[in-house]
Protein backbone atom coordinates (compact mmCIF):
# COMPACT_ATOMS: atom_id res chain seq x y z
CA MET A 1 64.78 117.41 26.22
CA LEU A 2 61.88 114.99 26.50
CA SER A 3 59.70 117.57 28.21
CA ALA A 4 60.48 120.01 25.39
CA ALA A 5 59.09 117.49 22.93
CA TYR A 6 55.80 117.54 24.85
CA GLY A 7 55.58 121.35 24.76
CA TYR A 8 57.13 122.25 28.11
CA GLN A 9 60.17 124.06 26.74
CA LEU A 10 60.24 126.99 29.13
CA PRO A 11 59.87 125.13 32.46
CA ALA A 12 62.37 122.45 31.41
CA GLY A 13 64.89 125.04 30.24
CA LEU A 14 64.52 127.17 33.36
CA ILE A 15 64.93 124.18 35.66
CA ALA A 16 68.06 123.04 33.80
CA VAL A 17 69.57 126.52 33.86
CA CYS A 18 68.83 126.97 37.58
CA VAL A 19 70.19 123.60 38.67
CA ALA A 20 73.66 123.93 37.08
CA PRO A 21 75.12 126.54 39.48
CA TRP A 22 73.87 124.52 42.44
CA ILE A 23 75.69 121.42 41.17
CA VAL A 24 78.92 123.38 40.70
CA ALA A 25 78.55 124.97 44.16
CA PHE A 26 78.11 121.55 45.79
CA GLN A 27 81.20 120.27 43.93
CA PHE A 28 83.14 123.31 45.19
CA ASP A 29 81.94 122.64 48.71
CA SER A 30 83.16 119.06 48.58
CA LEU A 31 86.59 120.20 47.33
CA LEU A 32 86.88 122.81 50.07
CA VAL A 33 85.67 120.47 52.81
CA ALA A 34 88.31 117.94 51.70
CA GLU A 35 90.99 120.64 52.14
CA PHE A 36 89.95 121.26 55.72
CA ARG A 37 89.30 117.62 56.66
CA GLN A 38 92.68 116.51 55.37
CA GLN A 39 94.18 119.53 57.13
CA THR A 40 95.99 120.76 54.03
CA TRP A 41 94.59 124.30 54.32
CA PRO A 42 97.19 125.39 56.91
CA SER A 43 99.99 124.36 54.54
CA LEU A 44 98.34 126.39 51.76
CA VAL A 45 98.34 129.42 54.05
CA LEU A 46 102.12 129.16 54.33
CA LEU A 47 102.62 129.39 50.56
CA PRO A 48 103.49 132.84 49.18
CA ILE A 49 100.26 133.08 47.15
CA ASP A 50 97.02 134.92 47.67
CA LEU A 51 94.44 132.64 49.27
CA ARG A 52 91.75 134.14 47.05
CA VAL A 53 93.62 132.62 44.10
CA VAL A 54 93.43 129.21 45.78
CA LEU A 55 89.67 129.59 46.26
CA TYR A 56 89.22 130.83 42.70
CA GLU A 57 91.16 127.85 41.33
CA LYS A 58 89.01 125.50 43.41
CA ALA A 59 85.90 127.12 41.92
CA LYS A 60 87.32 126.65 38.42
CA ALA A 61 88.11 123.01 39.24
CA ALA A 62 84.54 122.49 40.45
CA ALA A 63 83.15 123.98 37.25
CA TRP A 64 85.52 121.90 35.14
CA GLY A 65 84.61 118.78 37.09
CA ARG A 66 80.97 119.30 36.18
CA ARG A 67 81.57 120.26 32.55
CA THR A 68 79.54 117.29 31.34
CA ILE A 69 76.33 119.04 32.40
CA VAL A 70 77.01 121.97 30.07
CA LEU A 71 75.75 120.36 26.86
CA PRO A 72 72.35 119.20 28.17
CA ILE A 73 71.81 122.49 29.99
CA ALA A 74 72.82 124.54 26.96
CA SER A 75 70.46 122.47 24.81
CA ALA A 76 67.59 122.92 27.26
CA ALA A 77 68.28 126.67 27.51
CA LEU A 78 68.40 126.99 23.73
CA ILE A 79 65.08 125.21 23.36
CA ALA A 80 63.58 127.35 26.14
CA CYS A 81 64.90 130.52 24.49
CA LEU A 82 62.63 129.78 21.55
CA THR A 83 59.70 130.25 23.94
CA ASP A 84 60.86 133.16 26.13
CA ALA A 85 64.47 134.32 25.82
CA ILE A 86 64.13 137.03 28.46
CA ALA A 87 62.92 134.55 31.07
CA VAL A 88 65.88 132.27 30.35
CA VAL A 89 68.39 135.13 30.64
CA MET A 90 66.76 136.23 33.90
CA ALA A 91 66.87 132.68 35.25
CA MET A 92 70.51 132.30 34.24
CA THR A 93 71.46 135.55 35.96
CA VAL A 94 69.64 134.72 39.19
CA ALA A 95 70.95 131.13 39.15
CA VAL A 96 74.56 132.23 38.72
CA LEU A 97 74.19 134.77 41.54
CA MET A 98 72.69 132.05 43.74
CA GLY A 99 75.59 129.75 42.84
CA VAL A 100 78.05 132.47 43.88
CA LEU A 101 76.18 132.87 47.17
CA LEU A 102 76.36 129.11 47.77
CA VAL A 103 80.11 129.10 47.09
CA GLN A 104 80.55 131.99 49.50
CA ILE A 105 78.49 130.21 52.16
CA SER A 106 80.75 127.19 51.76
CA ILE A 107 83.85 129.35 52.19
CA LEU A 108 82.42 131.14 55.22
CA ASN A 109 81.40 127.86 56.85
CA GLN A 110 84.94 126.51 56.53
CA LEU A 111 86.76 129.70 57.51
CA ASN A 112 84.47 130.30 60.49
CA ALA A 113 84.40 126.69 61.69
CA LYS A 114 85.50 127.69 65.19
CA ILE A 115 82.59 130.13 65.49
CA TRP A 116 79.69 127.69 65.86
CA TRP A 117 76.93 130.18 65.12
CA ALA A 118 78.46 131.77 61.99
CA GLY A 119 77.27 129.12 59.53
CA SER A 120 73.76 129.21 60.93
CA ALA A 121 73.68 133.01 60.81
CA VAL A 122 74.75 133.06 57.16
CA GLY A 123 72.17 130.38 56.32
CA VAL A 124 69.40 132.33 58.05
CA LEU A 125 70.42 135.50 56.19
CA VAL A 126 70.24 133.74 52.82
CA LEU A 127 66.89 132.14 53.67
CA LEU A 128 65.59 135.56 54.73
CA LEU A 129 66.85 137.00 51.45
CA LEU A 130 65.06 134.26 49.51
CA ALA A 131 61.82 134.90 51.41
CA ILE A 132 62.05 138.61 50.63
CA LEU A 133 62.73 137.86 46.97
CA ILE A 134 59.69 135.59 46.77
CA VAL A 135 57.54 138.43 48.11
CA VAL A 136 59.14 140.80 45.60
CA TRP A 137 58.36 138.45 42.69
CA LEU A 138 54.76 138.12 43.90
CA SER A 139 54.35 141.88 44.31
CA PHE A 140 55.91 143.40 41.18
CA ASP A 141 56.07 142.70 37.48
CA ARG A 142 58.86 140.60 35.99
CA GLY A 143 61.25 143.45 35.04
CA ILE A 144 61.12 145.28 38.35
CA SER A 145 61.36 142.02 40.29
CA PHE A 146 64.42 141.01 38.32
CA VAL A 147 66.20 144.31 38.98
CA ILE A 148 65.39 144.18 42.71
CA THR A 149 66.51 140.53 42.89
CA VAL A 150 69.84 141.19 41.18
CA ALA A 151 70.47 144.25 43.36
CA MET A 152 69.71 142.44 46.62
CA MET A 153 71.73 139.35 45.67
CA ALA A 154 74.67 141.50 44.54
CA ALA A 155 74.57 143.38 47.85
CA ALA A 156 74.66 140.08 49.75
CA ILE A 157 77.51 138.82 47.57
CA PHE A 158 79.59 141.94 48.18
CA CYS A 159 78.94 141.81 51.94
CA PHE A 160 79.97 138.15 52.09
CA LEU A 161 82.97 138.89 49.87
CA GLY A 162 84.10 141.57 52.31
CA HIS A 163 83.81 139.13 55.19
CA ILE A 164 85.69 136.45 53.25
CA ASP A 165 88.52 138.87 52.45
CA TRP A 166 88.70 139.93 56.09
CA ARG A 167 88.68 136.31 57.25
CA LEU A 168 91.43 135.34 54.81
CA ARG A 169 93.60 138.22 56.07
CA THR A 170 93.01 137.36 59.72
CA TRP A 171 93.47 133.63 59.08
CA THR A 172 97.11 134.19 58.19
CA GLU A 173 97.61 136.37 61.27
CA SER A 174 96.17 133.84 63.70
């Protein structure tokens, strides 16, 4: 808000919009890690519910736990929209997709804890994706870069989602 008063509406708004999904993803990670550290996950597996519902409810709890950041971020985004609404919408879209990727990385790290290299492999893939996206944003105009970014992030999300579904099915069998 203070930076908006000095004429930096767009950078302040974009930073606020981009940080929110990261905060929610870190909250989700702490909730999921607590499940595995306290060894309550195996008892959840025994319940007659879909494990995806459990993960979805944890994500909702993480978002609800960080609800106090919504007002300042919404205010910053609104002020930034006065400068460049399209940039704010693009930043929101990319930030939410990145937040989903972070949540998926957290899930994969916990579900693949016995496979020591899985977490590192997923991290390297996401870093590689980010490097490619930086090159894309440097090479193309804003519209084309946005479309390529959303497509590549969505492809990664669906690949990770497939692996999470497979891991949840095989978790109950093992």
